[in-house]
Amino acid sequence: MNQLAVFLLLAVASTMVDGDMMRKSIVFDKATPDVFYCPVDKPTSFEKMLVHSRPLAKLCEFDGNGLPGDYKSDCYNDVDESEYACKEKKRIMIRQETEEVEREMLQATTRAANNKV
């Protein structure tokens, strides 16, 4: 009975880690703001994950409603169309908008200060 309990516990833990790795496999880098990165094949670890870049517009392209039948997925296991991917895209877009507003405010402040001199 103990062996069965240990086996079931390990199976559940393994499933949770695999799911978490897939969920976190969407990567965004501030240095390349127009693209996101997603796995080509099933990731086995974060260190050895083979990814490719896709335009940010392709992330959550179908609003998490699943892919059309004749559509070939951009990423492994349609991870770019998951609920997490859609939330991640919203977070990225909000951060980009905030940074743009801050940049515009800084430019306006700099112009105003230069006009006073």
PDB file of N, CA and C in Angstrom:
ATOM      1  N   MET A   1       0.824  -1.196   0.000  1.00  0.00           N
ATOM      2  CA  MET A   1       0.000   0.000   0.000  1.00  0.00           C
ATOM      3  C   MET A   1       0.867   1.257   0.000  1.00  0.00           C
ATOM      4  N   ASN A   2       1.955   1.261   0.786  1.00  0.00           N
ATOM      5  CA  ASN A   2       2.858   2.403   0.851  1.00  0.00           C
ATOM      6  C   ASN A   2       3.499   2.695  -0.496  1.00  0.00           C
ATOM      7  N   GLN A   3       3.892   1.639  -1.212  1.00  0.00           N
ATOM      8  CA  GLN A   3       4.517   1.810  -2.522  1.00  0.00           C
ATOM      9  C   GLN A   3       3.549   2.448  -3.500  1.00  0.00           C
ATOM     10  N   LEU A   4       2.292   2.052  -3.441  1.00  0.00           N
ATOM     11  CA  LEU A   4       1.277   2.620  -4.314  1.00  0.00           C
ATOM     12  C   LEU A   4       1.076   4.100  -4.020  1.00  0.00           C
ATOM     13  N   ALA A   5       1.052   4.459  -2.758  1.00  0.00           N
ATOM     14  CA  ALA A   5       0.881   5.863  -2.370  1.00  0.00           C
ATOM     15  C   ALA A   5       2.054   6.713  -2.859  1.00  0.00           C
ATOM     16  N   VAL A   6       3.269   6.193  -2.716  1.00  0.00           N
ATOM     17  CA  VAL A   6       4.457   6.913  -3.169  1.00  0.00           C
ATOM     18  C   VAL A   6       4.420   7.070  -4.687  1.00  0.00           C
ATOM     19  N   PHE A   7       4.059   6.019  -5.399  1.00  0.00           N
ATOM     20  CA  PHE A   7       3.977   6.069  -6.856  1.00  0.00           C
ATOM     21  C   PHE A   7       2.949   7.117  -7.306  1.00  0.00           C
ATOM     22  N   LEU A   8       1.787   7.123  -6.690  1.00  0.00           N
ATOM     23  CA  LEU A   8       0.753   8.090  -7.058  1.00  0.00           C
ATOM     24  C   LEU A   8       1.201   9.519  -6.758  1.00  0.00           C
ATOM     25  N   LEU A   9       1.864   9.707  -5.642  1.00  0.00           N
ATOM     26  CA  LEU A   9       2.369  11.030  -5.282  1.00  0.00           C
ATOM     27  C   LEU A   9       3.388  11.514  -6.308  1.00  0.00           C
ATOM     28  N   LEU A  10       4.297  10.640  -6.707  1.00  0.00           N
ATOM     29  CA  LEU A  10       5.301  10.999  -7.714  1.00  0.00           C
ATOM     30  C   LEU A  10       4.649  11.278  -9.070  1.00  0.00           C
ATOM     31  N   ALA A  11       3.649  10.518  -9.430  1.00  0.00           N
ATOM     32  CA  ALA A  11       2.957  10.728 -10.703  1.00  0.00           C
ATOM     33  C   ALA A  11       2.259  12.088 -10.724  1.00  0.00           C
ATOM     34  N   VAL A  12       1.603  12.438  -9.635  1.00  0.00           N
ATOM     35  CA  VAL A  12       0.927  13.738  -9.543  1.00  0.00           C
ATOM     36  C   VAL A  12       1.940  14.870  -9.589  1.00  0.00           C
ATOM     37  N   ALA A  13       3.033  14.739  -8.864  1.00  0.00           N
ATOM     38  CA  ALA A  13       4.071  15.776  -8.845  1.00  0.00           C
ATOM     39  C   ALA A  13       4.682  15.948 -10.226  1.00  0.00           C
ATOM     40  N   SER A  14       4.933  14.869 -10.929  1.00  0.00           N
ATOM     41  CA  SER A  14       5.505  14.930 -12.280  1.00  0.00           C
ATOM     42  C   SER A  14       4.562  15.641 -13.234  1.00  0.00           C
ATOM     43  N   THR A  15       3.293  15.343 -13.143  1.00  0.00           N
ATOM     44  CA  THR A  15       2.297  15.993 -13.997  1.00  0.00           C
ATOM     45  C   THR A  15       2.238  17.486 -13.721  1.00  0.00           C
ATOM     46  N   MET A  16       2.315  17.864 -12.456  1.00  0.00           N
ATOM     47  CA  MET A  16       2.274  19.282 -12.102  1.00  0.00           C
ATOM     48  C   MET A  16       3.495  20.014 -12.647  1.00  0.00           C
ATOM     49  N   VAL A  17       4.677  19.412 -12.559  1.00  0.00           N
ATOM     50  CA  VAL A  17       5.899  20.040 -13.057  1.00  0.00           C
ATOM     51  C   VAL A  17       5.844  20.176 -14.570  1.00  0.00           C
ATOM     52  N   ASP A  18       5.395  19.125 -15.273  1.00  0.00           N
ATOM     53  CA  ASP A  18       5.282  19.183 -16.737  1.00  0.00           C
ATOM     54  C   ASP A  18       4.311  20.277 -17.157  1.00  0.00           C
ATOM     55  N   GLY A  19       3.180  20.365 -16.494  1.00  0.00           N
ATOM     56  CA  GLY A  19       2.193  21.392 -16.826  1.00  0.00           C
ATOM     57  C   GLY A  19       2.727  22.786 -16.566  1.00  0.00           C
ATOM     58  N   ASP A  20       3.434  22.951 -15.461  1.00  0.00           N
ATOM     59  CA  ASP A  20       4.007  24.248 -15.124  1.00  0.00           C
ATOM     60  C   ASP A  20       5.081  24.643 -16.129  1.00  0.00           C
ATOM     61  N   MET A  21       5.883  23.671 -16.583  1.00  0.00           N
ATOM     62  CA  MET A  21       6.914  23.962 -17.564  1.00  0.00           C
ATOM     63  C   MET A  21       6.279  24.392 -18.885  1.00  0.00           C
ATOM     64  N   MET A  22       5.222  23.712 -19.288  1.00  0.00           N
ATOM     65  CA  MET A  22       4.543  24.086 -20.530  1.00  0.00           C
ATOM     66  C   MET A  22       3.927  25.479 -20.386  1.00  0.00           C
ATOM     67  N   ARG A  23       3.342  25.739 -19.254  1.00  0.00           N
ATOM     68  CA  ARG A  23       2.690  27.024 -19.028  1.00  0.00           C
ATOM     69  C   ARG A  23       3.707  28.156 -19.078  1.00  0.00           C
ATOM     70  N   LYS A  24       4.871  27.931 -18.507  1.00  0.00           N
ATOM     71  CA  LYS A  24       5.896  28.969 -18.447  1.00  0.00           C
ATOM     72  C   LYS A  24       6.801  28.994 -19.670  1.00  0.00           C
ATOM     73  N   SER A  25       6.490  28.217 -20.685  1.00  0.00           N
ATOM     74  CA  SER A  25       7.372  28.139 -21.840  1.00  0.00           C
ATOM     75  C   SER A  25       7.191  29.300 -22.815  1.00  0.00           C
ATOM     76  N   ILE A  26       6.211  30.156 -22.607  1.00  0.00           N
ATOM     77  CA  ILE A  26       6.096  31.389 -23.390  1.00  0.00           C
ATOM     78  C   ILE A  26       7.076  32.385 -22.781  1.00  0.00           C
ATOM     79  N   VAL A  27       8.008  32.881 -23.598  1.00  0.00           N
ATOM     80  CA  VAL A  27       9.055  33.775 -23.096  1.00  0.00           C
ATOM     81  C   VAL A  27       8.994  35.095 -23.844  1.00  0.00           C
ATOM     82  N   PHE A  28       9.085  36.179 -23.106  1.00  0.00           N
ATOM     83  CA  PHE A  28       9.127  37.523 -23.688  1.00  0.00           C
ATOM     84  C   PHE A  28      10.392  38.199 -23.181  1.00  0.00           C
ATOM     85  N   ASP A  29      11.096  38.864 -24.092  1.00  0.00           N
ATOM     86  CA  ASP A  29      12.338  39.547 -23.745  1.00  0.00           C
ATOM     87  C   ASP A  29      12.179  41.028 -24.089  1.00  0.00           C
ATOM     88  N   LYS A  30      12.429  41.909 -23.119  1.00  0.00           N
ATOM     89  CA  LYS A  30      12.304  43.349 -23.359  1.00  0.00           C
ATOM     90  C   LYS A  30      13.206  43.823 -24.492  1.00  0.00           C
ATOM     91  N   ALA A  31      14.315  43.129 -24.713  1.00  0.00           N
ATOM     92  CA  ALA A  31      15.248  43.523 -25.771  1.00  0.00           C
ATOM     93  C   ALA A  31      14.667  43.286 -27.167  1.00  0.00           C
ATOM     94  N   THR A  32      13.686  42.408 -27.273  1.00  0.00           N
ATOM     95  CA  THR A  32      13.019  42.133 -28.553  1.00  0.00           C
ATOM     96  C   THR A  32      11.502  42.267 -28.346  1.00  0.00           C
ATOM     97  N   PRO A  33      11.008  43.501 -28.217  1.00  0.00           N
ATOM     98  CA  PRO A  33       9.616  43.707 -27.820  1.00  0.00           C
ATOM     99  C   PRO A  33       8.569  43.311 -28.854  1.00  0.00           C
ATOM    100  N   ASP A  34       8.963  43.065 -30.084  1.00  0.00           N
ATOM    101  CA  ASP A  34       7.980  42.733 -31.117  1.00  0.00           C
ATOM    102  C   ASP A  34       7.758  41.236 -31.276  1.00  0.00           C
ATOM    103  N   VAL A  35       8.474  40.421 -30.512  1.00  0.00           N
ATOM    104  CA  VAL A  35       8.348  38.970 -30.646  1.00  0.00           C
ATOM    105  C   VAL A  35       8.243  38.294 -29.288  1.00  0.00           C
ATOM    106  N   PHE A  36       7.735  37.074 -29.310  1.00  0.00           N
ATOM    107  CA  PHE A  36       7.768  36.204 -28.144  1.00  0.00           C
ATOM    108  C   PHE A  36       8.421  34.902 -28.589  1.00  0.00           C
ATOM    109  N   TYR A  37       8.828  34.098 -27.645  1.00  0.00           N
ATOM    110  CA  TYR A  37       9.496  32.833 -27.943  1.00  0.00           C
ATOM    111  C   TYR A  37       8.685  31.695 -27.350  1.00  0.00           C
ATOM    112  N   CYS A  38       8.572  30.610 -28.114  1.00  0.00           N
ATOM    113  CA  CYS A  38       7.839  29.451 -27.631  1.00  0.00           C
ATOM    114  C   CYS A  38       8.545  28.172 -28.087  1.00  0.00           C
ATOM    115  N   PRO A  39       8.282  27.048 -27.412  1.00  0.00           N
ATOM    116  CA  PRO A  39       8.998  25.817 -27.727  1.00  0.00           C
ATOM    117  C   PRO A  39       8.581  25.213 -29.063  1.00  0.00           C
ATOM    118  N   VAL A  40       9.565  24.601 -29.717  1.00  0.00           N
ATOM    119  CA  VAL A  40       9.324  23.895 -30.969  1.00  0.00           C
ATOM    120  C   VAL A  40       8.907  22.457 -30.654  1.00  0.00           C
ATOM    121  N   ASP A  41       9.568  21.857 -29.675  1.00  0.00           N
ATOM    122  CA  ASP A  41       9.292  20.490 -29.242  1.00  0.00           C
ATOM    123  C   ASP A  41       8.932  20.497 -27.767  1.00  0.00           C
ATOM    124  N   LYS A  42       8.505  19.344 -27.270  1.00  0.00           N
ATOM    125  CA  LYS A  42       8.171  19.238 -25.851  1.00  0.00           C
ATOM    126  C   LYS A  42       9.409  19.550 -25.016  1.00  0.00           C
ATOM    127  N   PRO A  43       9.332  20.555 -24.154  1.00  0.00           N
ATOM    128  CA  PRO A  43      10.499  20.905 -23.326  1.00  0.00           C
ATOM    129  C   PRO A  43      10.729  19.852 -22.243  1.00  0.00           C
ATOM    130  N   THR A  44      12.001  19.534 -22.048  1.00  0.00           N
ATOM    131  CA  THR A  44      12.364  18.609 -20.975  1.00  0.00           C
ATOM    132  C   THR A  44      12.971  19.360 -19.798  1.00  0.00           C
ATOM    133  N   SER A  45      13.527  20.540 -20.081  1.00  0.00           N
ATOM    134  CA  SER A  45      14.042  21.406 -19.026  1.00  0.00           C
ATOM    135  C   SER A  45      14.129  22.818 -19.589  1.00  0.00           C
ATOM    136  N   PHE A  46      14.204  23.804 -18.710  1.00  0.00           N
ATOM    137  CA  PHE A  46      14.300  25.183 -19.165  1.00  0.00           C
ATOM    138  C   PHE A  46      15.660  25.469 -19.797  1.00  0.00           C
ATOM    139  N   GLU A  47      16.690  24.748 -19.360  1.00  0.00           N
ATOM    140  CA  GLU A  47      18.030  24.978 -19.879  1.00  0.00           C
ATOM    141  C   GLU A  47      18.203  24.470 -21.299  1.00  0.00           C
ATOM    142  N   LYS A  48      17.474  23.435 -21.674  1.00  0.00           N
ATOM    143  CA  LYS A  48      17.641  22.810 -22.982  1.00  0.00           C
ATOM    144  C   LYS A  48      16.418  22.992 -23.875  1.00  0.00           C
ATOM    145  N   MET A  49      15.645  24.011 -23.642  1.00  0.00           N
ATOM    146  CA  MET A  49      14.427  24.233 -24.415  1.00  0.00           C
ATOM    147  C   MET A  49      14.771  24.874 -25.760  1.00  0.00           C
ATOM    148  N   LEU A  50      14.346  24.239 -26.842  1.00  0.00           N
ATOM    149  CA  LEU A  50      14.545  24.767 -28.180  1.00  0.00           C
ATOM    150  C   LEU A  50      13.322  25.620 -28.529  1.00  0.00           C
ATOM    151  N   VAL A  51      13.548  26.910 -28.766  1.00  0.00           N
ATOM    152  CA  VAL A  51      12.442  27.831 -29.032  1.00  0.00           C
ATOM    153  C   VAL A  51      12.619  28.512 -30.388  1.00  0.00           C
ATOM    154  N   HIS A  52      11.531  29.084 -30.865  1.00  0.00           N
ATOM    155  CA  HIS A  52      11.621  29.935 -32.039  1.00  0.00           C
ATOM    156  C   HIS A  52      10.812  31.196 -31.774  1.00  0.00           C
ATOM    157  N   SER A  53      11.150  32.237 -32.509  1.00  0.00           N
ATOM    158  CA  SER A  53      10.474  33.517 -32.285  1.00  0.00           C
ATOM    159  C   SER A  53       9.268  33.619 -33.197  1.00  0.00           C
ATOM    160  N   ARG A  54       8.255  34.271 -32.688  1.00  0.00           N
ATOM    161  CA  ARG A  54       7.018  34.530 -33.434  1.00  0.00           C
ATOM    162  C   ARG A  54       6.630  35.981 -33.173  1.00  0.00           C
ATOM    163  N   PRO A  55       5.975  36.630 -34.133  1.00  0.00           N
ATOM    164  CA  PRO A  55       5.519  38.005 -33.889  1.00  0.00           C
ATOM    165  C   PRO A  55       4.548  38.048 -32.705  1.00  0.00           C
ATOM    166  N   LEU A  56       4.608  39.105 -31.940  1.00  0.00           N
ATOM    167  CA  LEU A  56       3.743  39.231 -30.767  1.00  0.00           C
ATOM    168  C   LEU A  56       2.266  39.147 -31.144  1.00  0.00           C
ATOM    169  N   ALA A  57       1.928  39.576 -32.347  1.00  0.00           N
ATOM    170  CA  ALA A  57       0.531  39.513 -32.799  1.00  0.00           C
ATOM    171  C   ALA A  57       0.025  38.072 -32.892  1.00  0.00           C
ATOM    172  N   LYS A  58       0.935  37.100 -33.025  1.00  0.00           N
ATOM    173  CA  LYS A  58       0.542  35.693 -33.121  1.00  0.00           C
ATOM    174  C   LYS A  58       0.263  35.065 -31.756  1.00  0.00           C
ATOM    175  N   LEU A  59       0.666  35.733 -30.683  1.00  0.00           N
ATOM    176  CA  LEU A  59       0.409  35.216 -29.342  1.00  0.00           C
ATOM    177  C   LEU A  59      -1.063  35.423 -29.022  1.00  0.00           C
ATOM    178  N   CYS A  60      -1.746  34.352 -28.672  1.00  0.00           N
ATOM    179  CA  CYS A  60      -3.183  34.394 -28.372  1.00  0.00           C
ATOM    180  C   CYS A  60      -3.954  34.973 -29.553  1.00  0.00           C
ATOM    181  N   GLU A  61      -3.585  34.544 -30.729  1.00  0.00           N
ATOM    182  CA  GLU A  61      -4.176  35.047 -31.975  1.00  0.00           C
ATOM    183  C   GLU A  61      -5.682  34.776 -32.052  1.00  0.00           C
ATOM    184  N   PHE A  62      -6.124  33.669 -31.484  1.00  0.00           N
ATOM    185  CA  PHE A  62      -7.536  33.291 -31.538  1.00  0.00           C
ATOM    186  C   PHE A  62      -8.224  33.466 -30.186  1.00  0.00           C
ATOM    187  N   ASP A  63      -7.672  34.334 -29.345  1.00  0.00           N
ATOM    188  CA  ASP A  63      -8.248  34.679 -28.044  1.00  0.00           C
ATOM    189  C   ASP A  63      -8.502  33.472 -27.144  1.00  0.00           C
ATOM    190  N   GLY A  64      -7.667  32.460 -27.244  1.00  0.00           N
ATOM    191  CA  GLY A  64      -7.791  31.290 -26.381  1.00  0.00           C
ATOM    192  C   GLY A  64      -8.957  30.385 -26.713  1.00  0.00           C
ATOM    193  N   ASN A  65      -9.578  30.577 -27.875  1.00  0.00           N
ATOM    194  CA  ASN A  65     -10.742  29.778 -28.259  1.00  0.00           C
ATOM    195  C   ASN A  65     -10.383  28.515 -29.030  1.00  0.00           C
ATOM    196  N   GLY A  66      -9.123  28.170 -29.095  1.00  0.00           N
ATOM    197  CA  GLY A  66      -8.705  26.987 -29.846  1.00  0.00           C
ATOM    198  C   GLY A  66      -8.392  27.355 -31.287  1.00  0.00           C
ATOM    199  N   LEU A  67      -7.706  26.456 -31.943  1.00  0.00           N
ATOM    200  CA  LEU A  67      -7.288  26.709 -33.316  1.00  0.00           C
ATOM    201  C   LEU A  67      -8.316  26.181 -34.303  1.00  0.00           C
ATOM    202  N   PRO A  68      -8.472  26.844 -35.451  1.00  0.00           N
ATOM    203  CA  PRO A  68      -9.316  26.281 -36.509  1.00  0.00           C
ATOM    204  C   PRO A  68      -8.763  24.934 -36.956  1.00  0.00           C
ATOM    205  N   GLY A  69      -9.601  24.064 -37.471  1.00  0.00           N
ATOM    206  CA  GLY A  69      -9.203  22.708 -37.835  1.00  0.00           C
ATOM    207  C   GLY A  69      -8.055  22.632 -38.824  1.00  0.00           C
ATOM    208  N   ASP A  70      -7.965  23.559 -39.770  1.00  0.00           N
ATOM    209  CA  ASP A  70      -6.940  23.497 -40.813  1.00  0.00           C
ATOM    210  C   ASP A  70      -5.701  24.325 -40.480  1.00  0.00           C
ATOM    211  N   TYR A  71      -5.616  24.847 -39.262  1.00  0.00           N
ATOM    212  CA  TYR A  71      -4.521  25.731 -38.877  1.00  0.00           C
ATOM    213  C   TYR A  71      -3.388  24.939 -38.244  1.00  0.00           C
ATOM    214  N   LYS A  72      -2.148  25.186 -38.668  1.00  0.00           N
ATOM    215  CA  LYS A  72      -0.975  24.549 -38.065  1.00  0.00           C
ATOM    216  C   LYS A  72      -0.478  25.456 -36.937  1.00  0.00           C
ATOM    217  N   SER A  73      -0.305  24.891 -35.777  1.00  0.00           N
ATOM    218  CA  SER A  73       0.099  25.658 -34.602  1.00  0.00           C
ATOM    219  C   SER A  73       1.488  26.250 -34.763  1.00  0.00           C
ATOM    220  N   ASP A  74       1.684  27.421 -34.166  1.00  0.00           N
ATOM    221  CA  ASP A  74       2.983  28.087 -34.160  1.00  0.00           C
ATOM    222  C   ASP A  74       3.939  27.444 -33.154  1.00  0.00           C
ATOM    223  N   CYS A  75       3.400  26.898 -32.084  1.00  0.00           N
ATOM    224  CA  CYS A  75       4.216  26.408 -30.973  1.00  0.00           C
ATOM    225  C   CYS A  75       3.796  24.996 -30.585  1.00  0.00           C
ATOM    226  N   TYR A  76       4.681  24.318 -29.857  1.00  0.00           N
ATOM    227  CA  TYR A  76       4.385  22.964 -29.403  1.00  0.00           C
ATOM    228  C   TYR A  76       3.130  22.955 -28.534  1.00  0.00           C
ATOM    229  N   ASN A  77       2.263  22.004 -28.797  1.00  0.00           N
ATOM    230  CA  ASN A  77       1.062  21.762 -27.987  1.00  0.00           C
ATOM    231  C   ASN A  77       0.144  22.990 -27.904  1.00  0.00           C
ATOM    232  N   ASP A  78       0.183  23.841 -28.906  1.00  0.00           N
ATOM    233  CA  ASP A  78      -0.663  25.048 -28.969  1.00  0.00           C
ATOM    234  C   ASP A  78      -0.517  25.930 -27.734  1.00  0.00           C
ATOM    235  N   VAL A  79       0.668  25.927 -27.133  1.00  0.00           N
ATOM    236  CA  VAL A  79       0.885  26.678 -25.897  1.00  0.00           C
ATOM    237  C   VAL A  79       0.677  28.177 -26.116  1.00  0.00           C
ATOM    238  N   ASP A  80       0.813  28.652 -27.347  1.00  0.00           N
ATOM    239  CA  ASP A  80       0.622  30.074 -27.641  1.00  0.00           C
ATOM    240  C   ASP A  80      -0.850  30.473 -27.679  1.00  0.00           C
ATOM    241  N   GLU A  81      -1.756  29.516 -27.604  1.00  0.00           N
ATOM    242  CA  GLU A  81      -3.190  29.801 -27.583  1.00  0.00           C
ATOM    243  C   GLU A  81      -3.843  29.406 -26.259  1.00  0.00           C
ATOM    244  N   SER A  82      -3.052  29.148 -25.251  1.00  0.00           N
ATOM    245  CA  SER A  82      -3.584  28.748 -23.949  1.00  0.00           C
ATOM    246  C   SER A  82      -4.121  29.963 -23.194  1.00  0.00           C
ATOM    247  N   GLU A  83      -4.858  29.684 -22.139  1.00  0.00           N
ATOM    248  CA  GLU A  83      -5.378  30.754 -21.279  1.00  0.00           C
ATOM    249  C   GLU A  83      -4.216  31.560 -20.689  1.00  0.00           C
ATOM    250  N   TYR A  84      -3.153  30.855 -20.298  1.00  0.00           N
ATOM    251  CA  TYR A  84      -1.978  31.530 -19.748  1.00  0.00           C
ATOM    252  C   TYR A  84      -1.356  32.453 -20.794  1.00  0.00           C
ATOM    253  N   ALA A  85      -1.274  32.002 -22.050  1.00  0.00           N
ATOM    254  CA  ALA A  85      -0.688  32.818 -23.121  1.00  0.00           C
ATOM    255  C   ALA A  85      -1.481  34.108 -23.320  1.00  0.00           C
ATOM    256  N   CYS A  86      -2.788  34.012 -23.239  1.00  0.00           N
ATOM    257  CA  CYS A  86      -3.630  35.210 -23.402  1.00  0.00           C
ATOM    258  C   CYS A  86      -3.418  36.180 -22.236  1.00  0.00           C
ATOM    259  N   LYS A  87      -3.308  35.654 -21.021  1.00  0.00           N
ATOM    260  CA  LYS A  87      -3.030  36.508 -19.863  1.00  0.00           C
ATOM    261  C   LYS A  87      -1.651  37.144 -19.982  1.00  0.00           C
ATOM    262  N   GLU A  88      -0.693  36.362 -20.464  1.00  0.00           N
ATOM    263  CA  GLU A  88       0.677  36.860 -20.626  1.00  0.00           C
ATOM    264  C   GLU A  88       0.716  37.981 -21.669  1.00  0.00           C
ATOM    265  N   LYS A  89      -0.028  37.828 -22.746  1.00  0.00           N
ATOM    266  CA  LYS A  89      -0.064  38.865 -23.783  1.00  0.00           C
ATOM    267  C   LYS A  89      -0.646  40.160 -23.219  1.00  0.00           C
ATOM    268  N   LYS A  90      -1.713  40.054 -22.445  1.00  0.00           N
ATOM    269  CA  LYS A  90      -2.302  41.254 -21.830  1.00  0.00           C
ATOM    270  C   LYS A  90      -1.291  41.939 -20.917  1.00  0.00           C
ATOM    271  N   ARG A  91      -0.570  41.140 -20.127  1.00  0.00           N
ATOM    272  CA  ARG A  91       0.439  41.693 -19.220  1.00  0.00           C
ATOM    273  C   ARG A  91       1.545  42.394 -20.013  1.00  0.00           C
ATOM    274  N   ILE A  92       1.995  41.790 -21.101  1.00  0.00           N
ATOM    275  CA  ILE A  92       3.039  42.372 -21.941  1.00  0.00           C
ATOM    276  C   ILE A  92       2.558  43.678 -22.554  1.00  0.00           C
ATOM    277  N   MET A  93       1.343  43.675 -23.071  1.00  0.00           N
ATOM    278  CA  MET A  93       0.804  44.877 -23.719  1.00  0.00           C
ATOM    279  C   MET A  93       0.641  46.021 -22.719  1.00  0.00           C
ATOM    280  N   ILE A  94       0.172  45.720 -21.521  1.00  0.00           N
ATOM    281  CA  ILE A  94       0.021  46.753 -20.485  1.00  0.00           C
ATOM    282  C   ILE A  94       1.387  47.321 -20.123  1.00  0.00           C
ATOM    283  N   ARG A  95       2.385  46.452 -19.968  1.00  0.00           N
ATOM    284  CA  ARG A  95       3.723  46.919 -19.625  1.00  0.00           C
ATOM    285  C   ARG A  95       4.288  47.800 -20.744  1.00  0.00           C
ATOM    286  N   GLN A  96       4.078  47.416 -21.997  1.00  0.00           N
ATOM    287  CA  GLN A  96       4.578  48.218 -23.112  1.00  0.00           C
ATOM    288  C   GLN A  96       3.890  49.582 -23.165  1.00  0.00           C
ATOM    289  N   GLU A  97       2.579  49.609 -22.934  1.00  0.00           N
ATOM    290  CA  GLU A  97       1.847  50.874 -22.938  1.00  0.00           C
ATOM    291  C   GLU A  97       2.329  51.776 -21.800  1.00  0.00           C
ATOM    292  N   THR A  98       2.553  51.202 -20.627  1.00  0.00           N
ATOM    293  CA  THR A  98       3.029  51.971 -19.482  1.00  0.00           C
ATOM    294  C   THR A  98       4.402  52.566 -19.767  1.00  0.00           C
ATOM    295  N   GLU A  99       5.290  51.755 -20.335  1.00  0.00           N
ATOM    296  CA  GLU A  99       6.633  52.250 -20.666  1.00  0.00           C
ATOM    297  C   GLU A  99       6.569  53.352 -21.709  1.00  0.00           C
ATOM    298  N   GLU A 100       5.660  53.245 -22.664  1.00  0.00           N
ATOM    299  CA  GLU A 100       5.515  54.275 -23.701  1.00  0.00           C
ATOM    300  C   GLU A 100       5.024  55.587 -23.099  1.00  0.00           C
ATOM    301  N   VAL A 101       4.052  55.508 -22.204  1.00  0.00           N
ATOM    302  CA  VAL A 101       3.538  56.708 -21.546  1.00  0.00           C
ATOM    303  C   VAL A 101       4.645  57.361 -20.711  1.00  0.00           C
ATOM    304  N   GLU A 102       5.410  56.562 -19.988  1.00  0.00           N
ATOM    305  CA  GLU A 102       6.506  57.101 -19.176  1.00  0.00           C
ATOM    306  C   GLU A 102       7.550  57.776 -20.060  1.00  0.00           C
ATOM    307  N   ARG A 103       7.846  57.171 -21.203  1.00  0.00           N
ATOM    308  CA  ARG A 103       8.821  57.744 -22.141  1.00  0.00           C
ATOM    309  C   ARG A 103       8.319  59.088 -22.682  1.00  0.00           C
ATOM    310  N   GLU A 104       7.038  59.161 -23.029  1.00  0.00           N
ATOM    311  CA  GLU A 104       6.459  60.405 -23.533  1.00  0.00           C
ATOM    312  C   GLU A 104       6.466  61.494 -22.469  1.00  0.00           C
ATOM    313  N   MET A 105       6.169  61.119 -21.218  1.00  0.00           N
ATOM    314  CA  MET A 105       6.188  62.088 -20.130  1.00  0.00           C
ATOM    315  C   MET A 105       7.596  62.620 -19.898  1.00  0.00           C
ATOM    316  N   LEU A 106       8.587  61.753 -19.965  1.00  0.00           N
ATOM    317  CA  LEU A 106       9.973  62.165 -19.797  1.00  0.00           C
ATOM    318  C   LEU A 106      10.398  63.115 -20.914  1.00  0.00           C
ATOM    319  N   GLN A 107       9.986  62.817 -22.134  1.00  0.00           N
ATOM    320  CA  GLN A 107      10.321  63.691 -23.263  1.00  0.00           C
ATOM    321  C   GLN A 107       9.661  65.056 -23.109  1.00  0.00           C
ATOM    322  N   ALA A 108       8.404  65.069 -22.676  1.00  0.00           N
ATOM    323  CA  ALA A 108       7.695  66.333 -22.492  1.00  0.00           C
ATOM    324  C   ALA A 108       8.353  67.156 -21.385  1.00  0.00           C
ATOM    325  N   THR A 109       8.749  66.506 -20.305  1.00  0.00           N
ATOM    326  CA  THR A 109       9.417  67.190 -19.204  1.00  0.00           C
ATOM    327  C   THR A 109      10.754  67.755 -19.657  1.00  0.00           C
ATOM    328  N   THR A 110      11.489  66.981 -20.431  1.00  0.00           N
ATOM    329  CA  THR A 110      12.787  67.423 -20.940  1.00  0.00           C
ATOM    330  C   THR A 110      12.625  68.643 -21.871  1.00  0.00           C
ATOM    331  N   ARG A 111      11.605  68.589 -22.739  1.00  0.00           N
ATOM    332  CA  ARG A 111      11.344  69.723 -23.640  1.00  0.00           C
ATOM    333  C   ARG A 111      10.970  70.985 -22.857  1.00  0.00           C
ATOM    334  N   ALA A 112      10.136  70.794 -21.837  1.00  0.00           N
ATOM    335  CA  ALA A 112       9.711  71.944 -21.025  1.00  0.00           C
ATOM    336  C   ALA A 112      10.909  72.553 -20.296  1.00  0.00           C
ATOM    337  N   ALA A 113      11.781  71.700 -19.788  1.00  0.00           N
ATOM    338  CA  ALA A 113      12.954  72.194 -19.085  1.00  0.00           C
ATOM    339  C   ALA A 113      13.895  72.903 -20.051  1.00  0.00           C
ATOM    340  N   ASN A 114      14.033  72.423 -21.252  1.00  0.00           N
ATOM    341  CA  ASN A 114      14.907  73.058 -22.262  1.00  0.00           C
ATOM    342  C   ASN A 114      14.336  74.410 -22.716  1.00  0.00           C
ATOM    343  N   ASN A 115      13.023  74.535 -22.742  1.00  0.00           N
ATOM    344  CA  ASN A 115      12.388  75.804 -23.160  1.00  0.00           C
ATOM    345  C   ASN A 115      12.563  76.897 -22.104  1.00  0.00           C
ATOM    346  N   LYS A 116      12.720  76.516 -20.838  1.00  0.00           N
ATOM    347  CA  LYS A 116      12.895  77.487 -19.762  1.00  0.00           C
ATOM    348  C   LYS A 116      14.291  78.063 -19.734  1.00  0.00           C
ATOM    349  N   VAL A 117      15.247  77.361 -20.313  1.00  0.00           N
ATOM    350  CA  VAL A 117      16.649  77.800 -20.255  1.00  0.00           C
ATOM    351  C   VAL A 117      16.909  78.901 -21.183  1.00  0.00           C
TER     352      VAL A 117
END
